[in-house]
N, C-alpha and C. Protein backbone atom coordinates (compact mmCIF):
# COMPACT_ATOMS: atom_id res chain seq x y z
N MET A 1 5.88 5.98 -13.23
CA MET A 1 5.70 4.76 -12.45
C MET A 1 6.45 3.60 -13.11
N ARG A 2 7.05 2.76 -12.30
CA ARG A 2 7.67 1.55 -12.84
C ARG A 2 6.56 0.58 -13.18
N LYS A 3 6.70 -0.14 -14.31
CA LYS A 3 5.61 -0.95 -14.82
C LYS A 3 5.81 -2.41 -14.48
N LYS A 4 4.68 -3.16 -14.40
CA LYS A 4 4.70 -4.57 -14.09
C LYS A 4 3.70 -5.28 -14.95
N ILE A 5 4.06 -6.44 -15.52
CA ILE A 5 3.15 -7.24 -16.30
C ILE A 5 2.91 -8.54 -15.55
N LEU A 6 1.68 -8.80 -15.16
CA LEU A 6 1.34 -10.03 -14.45
C LEU A 6 0.94 -11.10 -15.45
N SER A 7 1.52 -12.28 -15.36
CA SER A 7 1.12 -13.39 -16.20
C SER A 7 -0.18 -13.97 -15.69
N ILE A 8 -0.87 -14.73 -16.55
CA ILE A 8 -2.11 -15.37 -16.14
C ILE A 8 -1.87 -16.31 -14.98
N SER A 9 -0.75 -17.04 -15.01
CA SER A 9 -0.43 -17.97 -13.93
C SER A 9 -0.23 -17.24 -12.62
N ALA A 10 0.39 -16.03 -12.66
CA ALA A 10 0.61 -15.27 -11.43
C ALA A 10 -0.71 -14.84 -10.83
N VAL A 11 -1.65 -14.40 -11.67
CA VAL A 11 -2.96 -14.01 -11.17
C VAL A 11 -3.65 -15.19 -10.52
N ALA A 12 -3.55 -16.37 -11.15
CA ALA A 12 -4.17 -17.56 -10.60
C ALA A 12 -3.58 -17.93 -9.26
N LEU A 13 -2.26 -17.84 -9.14
CA LEU A 13 -1.60 -18.17 -7.88
C LEU A 13 -2.05 -17.24 -6.77
N VAL A 14 -2.16 -15.94 -7.07
CA VAL A 14 -2.63 -14.99 -6.05
C VAL A 14 -4.04 -15.33 -5.62
N ALA A 15 -4.91 -15.64 -6.57
CA ALA A 15 -6.30 -15.94 -6.25
C ALA A 15 -6.40 -17.18 -5.37
N ILE A 16 -5.62 -18.23 -5.70
CA ILE A 16 -5.66 -19.47 -4.93
C ILE A 16 -5.17 -19.23 -3.52
N THR A 17 -4.07 -18.48 -3.39
CA THR A 17 -3.49 -18.25 -2.07
C THR A 17 -4.39 -17.41 -1.20
N LEU A 18 -4.99 -16.34 -1.76
CA LEU A 18 -5.88 -15.51 -0.98
C LEU A 18 -7.09 -16.29 -0.50
N ALA A 19 -7.57 -17.22 -1.33
CA ALA A 19 -8.67 -18.06 -0.91
C ALA A 19 -8.25 -18.95 0.26
N ALA A 20 -7.01 -19.41 0.22
CA ALA A 20 -6.51 -20.30 1.27
C ALA A 20 -6.45 -19.61 2.62
N ILE A 21 -6.26 -18.26 2.64
CA ILE A 21 -6.21 -17.56 3.92
C ILE A 21 -7.54 -16.86 4.21
N ALA A 22 -8.59 -17.38 3.54
CA ALA A 22 -9.97 -17.00 3.87
C ALA A 22 -10.26 -15.53 3.62
N ILE A 23 -9.79 -15.02 2.49
CA ILE A 23 -10.17 -13.67 2.07
C ILE A 23 -11.35 -13.79 1.11
N PRO A 24 -12.53 -13.30 1.48
CA PRO A 24 -13.69 -13.44 0.60
C PRO A 24 -13.48 -12.73 -0.73
N ALA A 25 -14.09 -13.28 -1.78
CA ALA A 25 -13.99 -12.66 -3.10
C ALA A 25 -14.85 -11.41 -3.16
N ILE A 26 -14.38 -10.42 -3.89
CA ILE A 26 -15.14 -9.17 -4.05
C ILE A 26 -15.98 -9.29 -5.32
N ALA A 27 -17.31 -9.23 -5.15
CA ALA A 27 -18.20 -9.41 -6.29
C ALA A 27 -18.27 -8.16 -7.15
N ALA A 28 -18.16 -6.98 -6.51
CA ALA A 28 -18.26 -5.73 -7.25
C ALA A 28 -17.34 -4.70 -6.61
N ILE A 29 -16.80 -3.84 -7.46
CA ILE A 29 -15.82 -2.89 -6.94
C ILE A 29 -16.44 -1.84 -6.03
N ASN A 30 -17.78 -1.67 -6.10
CA ASN A 30 -18.43 -0.69 -5.24
C ASN A 30 -18.99 -1.31 -3.96
N LEU A 31 -18.63 -2.56 -3.67
CA LEU A 31 -19.05 -3.20 -2.43
C LEU A 31 -18.16 -2.73 -1.28
N ASN A 32 -18.78 -2.21 -0.22
CA ASN A 32 -18.03 -1.75 0.93
C ASN A 32 -17.38 -2.94 1.62
N PRO A 33 -16.04 -2.95 1.78
CA PRO A 33 -15.39 -4.11 2.39
C PRO A 33 -15.80 -4.33 3.85
N ASN A 34 -16.41 -3.33 4.50
CA ASN A 34 -16.90 -3.55 5.86
C ASN A 34 -17.95 -4.66 5.91
N LYS A 35 -18.67 -4.85 4.79
CA LYS A 35 -19.68 -5.90 4.74
C LYS A 35 -19.05 -7.28 4.69
N LEU A 36 -17.79 -7.35 4.32
CA LEU A 36 -17.08 -8.63 4.25
C LEU A 36 -16.31 -8.92 5.53
N TYR A 37 -15.72 -7.88 6.11
CA TYR A 37 -14.79 -8.08 7.21
C TYR A 37 -15.22 -7.47 8.53
N GLY A 38 -16.29 -6.69 8.54
CA GLY A 38 -16.64 -5.94 9.73
C GLY A 38 -15.86 -4.64 9.78
N ALA A 39 -15.77 -4.05 10.95
CA ALA A 39 -15.07 -2.77 11.09
C ALA A 39 -13.58 -2.95 10.82
N PRO A 40 -12.94 -1.99 10.15
CA PRO A 40 -11.51 -2.10 9.86
C PRO A 40 -10.68 -1.97 11.14
N SER A 41 -9.50 -2.57 11.11
CA SER A 41 -8.56 -2.43 12.22
C SER A 41 -7.98 -1.03 12.27
N TYR A 42 -7.87 -0.41 11.09
CA TYR A 42 -7.28 0.94 11.02
C TYR A 42 -7.72 1.59 9.72
N VAL A 43 -7.96 2.90 9.78
CA VAL A 43 -8.31 3.69 8.59
C VAL A 43 -7.27 4.80 8.44
N LEU A 44 -6.62 4.83 7.28
CA LEU A 44 -5.62 5.85 6.98
C LEU A 44 -6.16 6.76 5.88
N ASN A 45 -6.11 8.07 6.11
CA ASN A 45 -6.58 9.05 5.12
C ASN A 45 -5.39 9.79 4.51
N LEU A 46 -5.24 9.66 3.21
CA LEU A 46 -4.21 10.38 2.46
C LEU A 46 -4.89 11.61 1.84
N VAL A 47 -4.63 12.77 2.41
CA VAL A 47 -5.34 13.99 2.06
C VAL A 47 -4.54 14.79 1.03
N GLY A 48 -5.17 15.06 -0.12
CA GLY A 48 -4.52 15.83 -1.18
C GLY A 48 -4.70 17.32 -0.98
N LYS A 49 -3.60 18.08 -1.08
CA LYS A 49 -3.62 19.54 -0.94
C LYS A 49 -2.98 20.18 -2.16
N LYS A 50 -3.34 21.44 -2.41
CA LYS A 50 -2.78 22.17 -3.54
C LYS A 50 -1.28 22.38 -3.36
N ASP A 51 -0.58 22.59 -4.49
CA ASP A 51 0.86 22.85 -4.45
C ASP A 51 1.17 24.02 -3.52
N GLY A 52 2.25 23.88 -2.77
CA GLY A 52 2.66 24.94 -1.87
C GLY A 52 1.98 24.92 -0.53
N TRP A 53 1.12 23.94 -0.28
CA TRP A 53 0.42 23.88 1.00
C TRP A 53 1.40 23.73 2.16
N SER A 54 1.14 24.40 3.22
CA SER A 54 1.93 24.26 4.45
C SER A 54 1.00 24.47 5.63
N GLY A 55 0.68 23.37 6.30
CA GLY A 55 -0.27 23.44 7.39
C GLY A 55 0.34 23.88 8.71
N GLY A 56 1.67 23.91 8.77
CA GLY A 56 2.33 24.26 10.02
C GLY A 56 2.23 23.12 11.02
N GLY A 57 3.05 23.17 12.02
CA GLY A 57 3.04 22.14 13.05
C GLY A 57 3.80 20.89 12.64
N ALA A 58 3.68 19.86 13.46
CA ALA A 58 4.39 18.60 13.23
C ALA A 58 3.43 17.55 12.68
N TYR A 59 3.98 16.59 11.94
CA TYR A 59 3.16 15.57 11.31
C TYR A 59 3.70 14.17 11.61
N ASP A 60 4.34 14.05 12.76
CA ASP A 60 4.89 12.75 13.15
C ASP A 60 4.21 12.22 14.41
N ASN A 61 2.99 12.69 14.69
CA ASN A 61 2.22 12.16 15.82
C ASN A 61 1.72 10.76 15.44
N PRO A 62 2.20 9.72 16.10
CA PRO A 62 1.84 8.36 15.69
C PRO A 62 0.36 8.04 15.85
N ASP A 63 -0.37 8.81 16.65
CA ASP A 63 -1.79 8.53 16.88
C ASP A 63 -2.70 9.11 15.79
N ARG A 64 -2.16 9.94 14.90
CA ARG A 64 -2.97 10.55 13.87
C ARG A 64 -3.34 9.50 12.81
N HIS A 65 -4.38 9.79 12.03
CA HIS A 65 -4.84 8.89 10.96
C HIS A 65 -4.77 9.58 9.60
N THR A 66 -4.09 10.71 9.51
CA THR A 66 -4.02 11.47 8.26
C THR A 66 -2.58 11.73 7.84
N MET A 67 -2.39 11.72 6.53
CA MET A 67 -1.12 12.12 5.94
C MET A 67 -1.44 13.03 4.76
N PHE A 68 -0.55 14.00 4.48
CA PHE A 68 -0.81 15.02 3.47
C PHE A 68 0.18 14.89 2.32
N LEU A 69 -0.37 14.99 1.10
CA LEU A 69 0.43 14.88 -0.11
C LEU A 69 -0.15 15.80 -1.17
N PRO A 70 0.59 16.09 -2.25
CA PRO A 70 0.02 16.95 -3.29
C PRO A 70 -1.25 16.35 -3.90
N GLN A 71 -2.21 17.22 -4.18
CA GLN A 71 -3.45 16.75 -4.80
C GLN A 71 -3.17 16.14 -6.17
N THR A 72 -2.23 16.71 -6.88
CA THR A 72 -1.76 16.13 -8.14
C THR A 72 -0.25 16.05 -8.07
N THR A 73 0.29 14.86 -8.28
CA THR A 73 1.73 14.64 -8.11
C THR A 73 2.46 14.77 -9.43
N ALA A 74 3.38 15.73 -9.51
CA ALA A 74 4.24 15.83 -10.68
C ALA A 74 5.20 14.64 -10.71
N GLU A 75 5.65 14.22 -9.53
CA GLU A 75 6.45 13.01 -9.37
C GLU A 75 5.80 12.17 -8.29
N ASP A 76 6.01 10.85 -8.36
CA ASP A 76 5.40 9.95 -7.40
C ASP A 76 5.81 10.31 -5.97
N VAL A 77 4.86 10.17 -5.06
CA VAL A 77 5.16 10.28 -3.63
C VAL A 77 5.59 8.90 -3.14
N THR A 78 6.65 8.86 -2.35
CA THR A 78 7.11 7.61 -1.76
C THR A 78 6.49 7.46 -0.38
N VAL A 79 5.80 6.34 -0.17
CA VAL A 79 5.22 6.04 1.14
C VAL A 79 6.00 4.87 1.73
N TRP A 80 6.88 5.16 2.68
CA TRP A 80 7.67 4.10 3.32
C TRP A 80 6.77 3.33 4.27
N MET A 81 6.79 2.00 4.17
CA MET A 81 5.94 1.13 4.98
C MET A 81 6.81 0.24 5.86
N SER A 82 6.44 0.15 7.13
CA SER A 82 7.12 -0.77 8.04
C SER A 82 6.05 -1.48 8.86
N GLN A 83 6.45 -2.37 9.76
CA GLN A 83 5.48 -3.07 10.59
C GLN A 83 6.00 -3.15 12.02
N GLY A 84 5.11 -2.85 12.99
CA GLY A 84 5.46 -2.91 14.40
C GLY A 84 4.28 -3.45 15.20
N GLU A 85 4.25 -3.15 16.47
CA GLU A 85 3.17 -3.62 17.32
C GLU A 85 1.85 -2.91 17.02
N ASP A 86 1.92 -1.62 16.72
CA ASP A 86 0.71 -0.82 16.53
C ASP A 86 0.80 -0.01 15.24
N PHE A 87 -0.37 0.38 14.71
CA PHE A 87 -0.41 1.29 13.58
C PHE A 87 0.08 2.67 14.03
N ALA A 88 0.81 3.35 13.14
CA ALA A 88 1.34 4.66 13.51
C ALA A 88 1.71 5.45 12.26
N VAL A 89 1.37 6.73 12.27
CA VAL A 89 1.87 7.66 11.25
C VAL A 89 3.21 8.20 11.75
N LEU A 90 4.28 7.89 11.02
CA LEU A 90 5.62 8.30 11.43
C LEU A 90 6.04 9.61 10.76
N ASP A 91 5.56 9.83 9.55
CA ASP A 91 5.80 11.09 8.83
C ASP A 91 4.57 11.34 7.98
N GLY A 92 3.79 12.36 8.35
CA GLY A 92 2.53 12.60 7.66
C GLY A 92 2.54 13.75 6.68
N ASN A 93 3.71 14.26 6.30
CA ASN A 93 3.79 15.41 5.40
C ASN A 93 4.74 15.12 4.24
N ALA A 94 4.19 15.05 3.03
CA ALA A 94 5.01 14.79 1.85
C ALA A 94 5.50 16.06 1.18
N PHE A 95 5.08 17.23 1.69
CA PHE A 95 5.42 18.48 1.01
C PHE A 95 6.85 18.92 1.27
N ASP A 96 7.49 18.38 2.30
CA ASP A 96 8.86 18.80 2.57
C ASP A 96 9.89 18.02 1.78
N ASP A 97 9.66 16.71 1.57
CA ASP A 97 10.68 15.91 0.88
C ASP A 97 10.11 14.87 -0.08
N GLY A 98 8.80 14.93 -0.35
CA GLY A 98 8.19 14.01 -1.30
C GLY A 98 7.96 12.62 -0.78
N SER A 99 8.03 12.43 0.55
CA SER A 99 7.85 11.09 1.10
C SER A 99 7.01 11.13 2.36
N LEU A 100 6.39 9.99 2.65
CA LEU A 100 5.61 9.76 3.85
C LEU A 100 6.11 8.48 4.51
N SER A 101 5.73 8.27 5.78
CA SER A 101 6.16 7.06 6.47
C SER A 101 5.03 6.56 7.35
N PHE A 102 4.73 5.25 7.22
CA PHE A 102 3.59 4.66 7.92
C PHE A 102 3.96 3.28 8.45
N GLN A 103 3.51 2.99 9.67
CA GLN A 103 3.76 1.69 10.28
C GLN A 103 2.46 0.91 10.43
N LEU A 104 2.45 -0.33 9.93
CA LEU A 104 1.32 -1.22 10.14
C LEU A 104 1.42 -1.87 11.51
N GLY A 105 0.27 -2.24 12.07
CA GLY A 105 0.26 -3.02 13.29
C GLY A 105 0.66 -4.46 13.02
N SER A 106 0.81 -5.23 14.09
CA SER A 106 1.22 -6.63 13.93
C SER A 106 0.12 -7.45 13.26
N GLY A 107 0.50 -8.51 12.60
CA GLY A 107 -0.45 -9.39 11.93
C GLY A 107 -0.43 -9.20 10.43
N LYS A 108 -1.44 -9.77 9.77
CA LYS A 108 -1.58 -9.68 8.32
C LYS A 108 -2.95 -9.10 8.01
N TYR A 109 -3.04 -8.39 6.88
CA TYR A 109 -4.23 -7.59 6.62
C TYR A 109 -4.72 -7.69 5.18
N ALA A 110 -6.04 -7.63 5.03
CA ALA A 110 -6.64 -7.30 3.74
C ALA A 110 -6.69 -5.78 3.68
N VAL A 111 -6.40 -5.22 2.50
CA VAL A 111 -6.26 -3.76 2.37
C VAL A 111 -7.10 -3.27 1.19
N PHE A 112 -7.89 -2.24 1.43
CA PHE A 112 -8.75 -1.67 0.40
C PHE A 112 -8.56 -0.17 0.34
N ILE A 113 -8.67 0.39 -0.89
CA ILE A 113 -8.44 1.82 -1.11
C ILE A 113 -9.60 2.39 -1.93
N VAL A 114 -10.00 3.63 -1.61
CA VAL A 114 -11.05 4.30 -2.37
C VAL A 114 -10.69 5.77 -2.50
N ALA A 115 -11.06 6.37 -3.64
CA ALA A 115 -10.91 7.81 -3.86
C ALA A 115 -12.22 8.48 -3.48
N LEU A 116 -12.14 9.45 -2.54
CA LEU A 116 -13.32 10.16 -2.07
C LEU A 116 -13.13 11.66 -2.30
N GLY A 117 -14.20 12.36 -2.52
CA GLY A 117 -14.13 13.81 -2.71
C GLY A 117 -13.87 14.21 -4.14
N LYS A 118 -14.58 15.23 -4.62
CA LYS A 118 -14.41 15.73 -5.98
C LYS A 118 -13.17 16.62 -6.06
N PRO A 119 -12.50 16.72 -7.25
CA PRO A 119 -12.85 16.01 -8.48
C PRO A 119 -12.43 14.54 -8.43
N GLY A 120 -11.19 14.25 -8.05
CA GLY A 120 -10.79 12.87 -7.86
C GLY A 120 -10.75 12.06 -9.14
N ASN A 121 -9.58 11.94 -9.74
CA ASN A 121 -9.44 11.21 -11.00
C ASN A 121 -8.70 9.89 -10.85
N GLY A 122 -8.56 9.41 -9.62
CA GLY A 122 -7.94 8.11 -9.42
C GLY A 122 -6.47 8.20 -9.07
N ALA A 123 -5.87 7.05 -8.83
CA ALA A 123 -4.47 6.99 -8.44
C ALA A 123 -3.88 5.66 -8.88
N ASN A 124 -2.57 5.66 -9.03
CA ASN A 124 -1.82 4.44 -9.34
C ASN A 124 -0.79 4.22 -8.24
N ILE A 125 -0.72 2.97 -7.77
CA ILE A 125 0.19 2.65 -6.67
C ILE A 125 0.97 1.38 -7.01
N GLU A 126 2.27 1.41 -6.77
CA GLU A 126 3.11 0.23 -6.89
C GLU A 126 3.79 -0.04 -5.56
N GLY A 127 3.86 -1.30 -5.18
CA GLY A 127 4.57 -1.70 -3.98
C GLY A 127 5.93 -2.30 -4.33
N TRP A 128 6.99 -1.80 -3.70
CA TRP A 128 8.36 -2.23 -4.02
C TRP A 128 9.12 -2.64 -2.78
N ILE A 129 9.95 -3.66 -2.92
CA ILE A 129 10.99 -3.93 -1.92
C ILE A 129 12.25 -3.22 -2.39
N TYR A 130 12.85 -2.50 -1.46
CA TYR A 130 13.96 -1.60 -1.77
C TYR A 130 15.21 -2.04 -1.01
N ASN A 131 16.31 -2.16 -1.71
CA ASN A 131 17.60 -2.46 -1.10
C ASN A 131 18.21 -1.14 -0.64
N ALA A 132 18.12 -0.87 0.67
CA ALA A 132 18.60 0.41 1.20
C ALA A 132 20.12 0.46 1.27
N THR A 133 20.76 -0.67 1.21
CA THR A 133 22.23 -0.70 1.24
C THR A 133 22.80 -0.25 -0.10
N ASP A 134 22.17 -0.71 -1.18
CA ASP A 134 22.63 -0.35 -2.53
C ASP A 134 21.79 0.76 -3.16
N ASN A 135 20.72 1.18 -2.47
CA ASN A 135 19.80 2.21 -3.01
C ASN A 135 19.22 1.79 -4.35
N THR A 136 18.64 0.58 -4.38
CA THR A 136 18.06 0.07 -5.62
C THR A 136 16.69 -0.56 -5.34
N TYR A 137 15.80 -0.42 -6.32
CA TYR A 137 14.51 -1.11 -6.28
C TYR A 137 14.74 -2.52 -6.80
N ILE A 138 14.43 -3.53 -5.99
CA ILE A 138 14.81 -4.89 -6.39
C ILE A 138 13.63 -5.80 -6.72
N LEU A 139 12.43 -5.50 -6.19
CA LEU A 139 11.33 -6.43 -6.44
C LEU A 139 10.00 -5.69 -6.41
N LEU A 140 9.25 -5.77 -7.50
CA LEU A 140 7.91 -5.18 -7.58
C LEU A 140 6.91 -6.18 -7.02
N VAL A 141 6.29 -5.82 -5.91
CA VAL A 141 5.40 -6.74 -5.21
C VAL A 141 4.00 -6.74 -5.82
N GLY A 142 3.52 -5.59 -6.24
CA GLY A 142 2.19 -5.50 -6.81
C GLY A 142 1.89 -4.09 -7.28
N SER A 143 0.80 -3.94 -8.02
CA SER A 143 0.39 -2.62 -8.47
C SER A 143 -1.13 -2.58 -8.56
N VAL A 144 -1.71 -1.42 -8.28
CA VAL A 144 -3.16 -1.24 -8.38
C VAL A 144 -3.46 0.11 -9.00
N SER A 145 -4.60 0.19 -9.67
CA SER A 145 -5.13 1.45 -10.16
C SER A 145 -6.44 1.71 -9.43
N VAL A 146 -6.51 2.81 -8.73
CA VAL A 146 -7.69 3.17 -7.95
C VAL A 146 -8.59 4.04 -8.81
N PRO A 147 -9.86 3.65 -9.03
CA PRO A 147 -10.76 4.47 -9.85
C PRO A 147 -10.99 5.84 -9.22
N GLY A 148 -11.37 6.80 -10.06
CA GLY A 148 -11.65 8.13 -9.56
C GLY A 148 -12.94 8.21 -8.77
N HIS A 149 -13.20 9.39 -8.26
CA HIS A 149 -14.39 9.63 -7.44
C HIS A 149 -15.67 9.33 -8.22
N SER A 150 -16.64 8.76 -7.55
CA SER A 150 -17.96 8.56 -8.14
C SER A 150 -19.01 8.69 -7.05
N LYS A 151 -20.27 8.79 -7.45
CA LYS A 151 -21.36 8.94 -6.48
C LYS A 151 -21.38 7.76 -5.52
N THR A 152 -21.16 6.57 -6.06
CA THR A 152 -21.06 5.37 -5.23
C THR A 152 -19.58 5.02 -5.09
N PRO A 153 -19.01 5.05 -3.90
CA PRO A 153 -17.58 4.77 -3.74
C PRO A 153 -17.19 3.41 -4.33
N ARG A 154 -16.09 3.41 -5.07
CA ARG A 154 -15.62 2.19 -5.72
C ARG A 154 -14.32 1.75 -5.05
N TRP A 155 -14.40 0.69 -4.30
CA TRP A 155 -13.27 0.20 -3.52
C TRP A 155 -12.36 -0.68 -4.37
N THR A 156 -11.07 -0.53 -4.17
CA THR A 156 -10.08 -1.35 -4.86
C THR A 156 -9.38 -2.25 -3.86
N ASP A 157 -9.35 -3.55 -4.16
CA ASP A 157 -8.65 -4.50 -3.31
C ASP A 157 -7.15 -4.36 -3.56
N ALA A 158 -6.44 -3.85 -2.55
CA ALA A 158 -4.99 -3.63 -2.68
C ALA A 158 -4.19 -4.62 -1.85
N THR A 159 -4.81 -5.72 -1.44
CA THR A 159 -4.14 -6.71 -0.60
C THR A 159 -2.90 -7.27 -1.27
N ASP A 160 -2.95 -7.40 -2.59
CA ASP A 160 -1.83 -7.97 -3.33
C ASP A 160 -0.55 -7.16 -3.18
N LEU A 161 -0.67 -5.88 -2.81
CA LEU A 161 0.52 -5.06 -2.61
C LEU A 161 1.37 -5.54 -1.44
N PHE A 162 0.80 -6.38 -0.58
CA PHE A 162 1.50 -6.82 0.63
C PHE A 162 1.87 -8.31 0.61
N TRP A 163 1.72 -8.96 -0.54
CA TRP A 163 2.07 -10.38 -0.63
C TRP A 163 2.99 -10.60 -1.82
N VAL A 164 4.08 -11.31 -1.59
CA VAL A 164 5.02 -11.69 -2.65
C VAL A 164 4.63 -13.07 -3.14
N SER A 165 4.25 -13.17 -4.39
CA SER A 165 3.87 -14.46 -4.96
C SER A 165 5.11 -15.21 -5.44
N PRO A 166 5.03 -16.54 -5.63
CA PRO A 166 6.18 -17.29 -6.16
C PRO A 166 6.67 -16.76 -7.50
N SER A 167 5.75 -16.27 -8.34
CA SER A 167 6.17 -15.75 -9.64
C SER A 167 6.91 -14.43 -9.52
N GLU A 168 6.67 -13.70 -8.45
CA GLU A 168 7.36 -12.43 -8.22
C GLU A 168 8.70 -12.61 -7.50
N ASP A 169 8.80 -13.69 -6.74
CA ASP A 169 9.98 -13.96 -5.93
C ASP A 169 11.20 -14.21 -6.82
N LEU A 170 12.22 -13.36 -6.67
CA LEU A 170 13.44 -13.48 -7.48
C LEU A 170 14.63 -14.02 -6.69
N PHE A 171 14.44 -14.24 -5.38
CA PHE A 171 15.61 -14.48 -4.55
C PHE A 171 15.54 -15.73 -3.66
N LEU A 172 14.34 -16.15 -3.25
CA LEU A 172 14.25 -17.14 -2.17
C LEU A 172 13.56 -18.45 -2.56
N ASP A 173 13.11 -18.58 -3.78
CA ASP A 173 12.44 -19.81 -4.25
C ASP A 173 11.24 -20.18 -3.38
N LYS A 174 10.41 -19.21 -3.06
CA LYS A 174 9.20 -19.47 -2.29
C LYS A 174 8.21 -20.25 -3.14
N THR A 175 7.44 -21.11 -2.49
CA THR A 175 6.44 -21.91 -3.19
C THR A 175 5.02 -21.46 -2.89
N GLU A 176 4.86 -20.44 -2.03
CA GLU A 176 3.54 -19.91 -1.73
C GLU A 176 3.65 -18.41 -1.47
N ASP A 177 2.53 -17.73 -1.54
CA ASP A 177 2.53 -16.28 -1.29
C ASP A 177 3.04 -16.00 0.13
N THR A 178 3.84 -14.94 0.26
CA THR A 178 4.46 -14.61 1.54
C THR A 178 4.19 -13.16 1.87
N TRP A 179 3.73 -12.90 3.10
CA TRP A 179 3.54 -11.54 3.60
C TRP A 179 4.83 -10.77 3.41
N VAL A 180 4.75 -9.56 2.88
CA VAL A 180 5.95 -8.85 2.41
C VAL A 180 6.97 -8.63 3.52
N PHE A 181 6.52 -8.37 4.74
CA PHE A 181 7.48 -8.10 5.82
C PHE A 181 8.16 -9.40 6.28
N ASP A 182 7.44 -10.52 6.20
CA ASP A 182 8.07 -11.82 6.46
C ASP A 182 9.10 -12.12 5.38
N TYR A 183 8.76 -11.79 4.14
CA TYR A 183 9.68 -12.02 3.03
C TYR A 183 10.96 -11.22 3.23
N MET A 184 10.84 -9.97 3.65
CA MET A 184 12.04 -9.15 3.86
C MET A 184 12.89 -9.68 5.02
N ASN A 185 12.24 -10.22 6.06
CA ASN A 185 13.00 -10.84 7.14
C ASN A 185 13.80 -12.03 6.62
N ASP A 186 13.18 -12.82 5.74
CA ASP A 186 13.88 -13.96 5.15
C ASP A 186 15.03 -13.50 4.25
N LEU A 187 14.80 -12.39 3.54
CA LEU A 187 15.88 -11.83 2.72
C LEU A 187 17.06 -11.41 3.58
N SER A 188 16.77 -10.77 4.71
CA SER A 188 17.84 -10.32 5.60
C SER A 188 18.64 -11.50 6.15
N SER A 189 17.97 -12.63 6.39
CA SER A 189 18.67 -13.82 6.86
C SER A 189 19.52 -14.44 5.76
N ALA A 190 19.02 -14.36 4.52
CA ALA A 190 19.76 -14.96 3.40
C ALA A 190 20.91 -14.08 2.93
N TYR A 191 20.74 -12.77 3.04
CA TYR A 191 21.76 -11.83 2.58
C TYR A 191 22.14 -10.92 3.76
N VAL A 192 22.92 -11.48 4.66
CA VAL A 192 23.29 -10.78 5.89
C VAL A 192 24.06 -9.51 5.57
N GLY A 193 23.70 -8.42 6.27
CA GLY A 193 24.40 -7.16 6.08
C GLY A 193 23.70 -6.22 5.11
N THR A 194 22.59 -6.68 4.52
CA THR A 194 21.84 -5.84 3.59
C THR A 194 20.52 -5.42 4.24
N GLU A 195 20.20 -4.15 4.14
CA GLU A 195 18.96 -3.63 4.72
C GLU A 195 17.88 -3.53 3.64
N TYR A 196 16.70 -4.07 3.93
CA TYR A 196 15.60 -4.06 2.99
C TYR A 196 14.43 -3.25 3.56
N LEU A 197 13.79 -2.45 2.70
CA LEU A 197 12.66 -1.64 3.09
C LEU A 197 11.52 -1.87 2.10
N TYR A 198 10.30 -1.60 2.54
CA TYR A 198 9.14 -1.70 1.67
C TYR A 198 8.54 -0.32 1.47
N LEU A 199 8.09 -0.03 0.26
CA LEU A 199 7.54 1.30 -0.04
C LEU A 199 6.45 1.21 -1.09
N TRP A 200 5.63 2.25 -1.10
CA TRP A 200 4.70 2.49 -2.20
C TRP A 200 5.21 3.65 -3.02
N GLN A 201 5.07 3.55 -4.33
CA GLN A 201 5.20 4.69 -5.23
C GLN A 201 3.78 5.07 -5.63
N LEU A 202 3.35 6.27 -5.21
CA LEU A 202 1.96 6.69 -5.35
C LEU A 202 1.85 7.87 -6.30
N ASP A 203 1.08 7.69 -7.35
CA ASP A 203 0.80 8.75 -8.32
C ASP A 203 -0.64 9.21 -8.07
N ASN A 204 -0.79 10.40 -7.49
CA ASN A 204 -2.11 10.93 -7.12
C ASN A 204 -2.61 11.86 -8.23
N ASN A 205 -3.81 11.57 -8.75
CA ASN A 205 -4.32 12.31 -9.90
C ASN A 205 -5.54 13.13 -9.50
N ASN A 206 -5.25 14.28 -8.85
CA ASN A 206 -6.28 15.26 -8.50
C ASN A 206 -7.27 14.72 -7.47
N ASN A 207 -6.78 13.93 -6.53
CA ASN A 207 -7.63 13.40 -5.47
C ASN A 207 -7.47 14.23 -4.20
N LYS A 208 -8.59 14.60 -3.61
CA LYS A 208 -8.54 15.30 -2.33
C LYS A 208 -8.46 14.32 -1.16
N LEU A 209 -8.87 13.08 -1.40
CA LEU A 209 -8.81 12.09 -0.32
C LEU A 209 -8.72 10.68 -0.90
N LEU A 210 -7.68 9.96 -0.50
CA LEU A 210 -7.59 8.52 -0.72
C LEU A 210 -7.68 7.87 0.66
N GLN A 211 -8.66 7.01 0.83
CA GLN A 211 -8.82 6.33 2.12
C GLN A 211 -8.35 4.89 1.99
N VAL A 212 -7.52 4.47 2.95
CA VAL A 212 -6.98 3.12 2.97
C VAL A 212 -7.49 2.42 4.23
N ARG A 213 -8.13 1.27 4.06
CA ARG A 213 -8.65 0.52 5.20
C ARG A 213 -7.90 -0.80 5.34
N PHE A 214 -7.54 -1.13 6.58
CA PHE A 214 -6.81 -2.35 6.90
C PHE A 214 -7.72 -3.26 7.74
N TYR A 215 -7.88 -4.52 7.27
CA TYR A 215 -8.71 -5.50 7.95
C TYR A 215 -7.85 -6.71 8.33
N LYS A 216 -7.77 -7.00 9.61
CA LYS A 216 -6.88 -8.06 10.07
C LYS A 216 -7.41 -9.42 9.62
N ILE A 217 -6.52 -10.24 9.03
CA ILE A 217 -6.90 -11.57 8.55
C ILE A 217 -6.00 -12.66 9.12
N GLY A 218 -5.01 -12.27 9.92
CA GLY A 218 -4.12 -13.29 10.46
C GLY A 218 -3.13 -12.70 11.45
């Protein structure tokens, strides 16, 4: 995994900005985010399977809510993220090429992740903006460590993976946190002719299920 060190000032900026867009503070990691936001707008299940798994059939049905990846990843799985009118699974099988593809619905979201099912030893995720023209990782947006399975589900707030803070911004001199897809649109306007993509690098550590919940906040 590519590493990121957050300064104290960066953490403070994220906290202030999230408060400004009315994201309630999480008092405990085992608090179900449904109690804060109501029912999620979308639930995505990342299902871990043993090496060599092949379920047959197609995995690009946009109406599905499941994607399949190795239960334990020797190398990180790449989850390509885009945004459109509706949520959609574009590629739900990581066993063929080590990557998945997912589309968020329109708007902005609070995002929470939990490891469910035994044994489940947790996961590490980094969010990156990728220069597809030069094939380079150019900006680390955020990183989270998801705790392993426990009797009481422990939710991790992963909202920071979708916001570029001023301290993270290397290109546009932003003065406030910016939704990652808006930031990439601004990048495309500033650097015409360059294609930018957003992705997760996901290290799955013996998890049979990682559940990702999206709650609309704007």
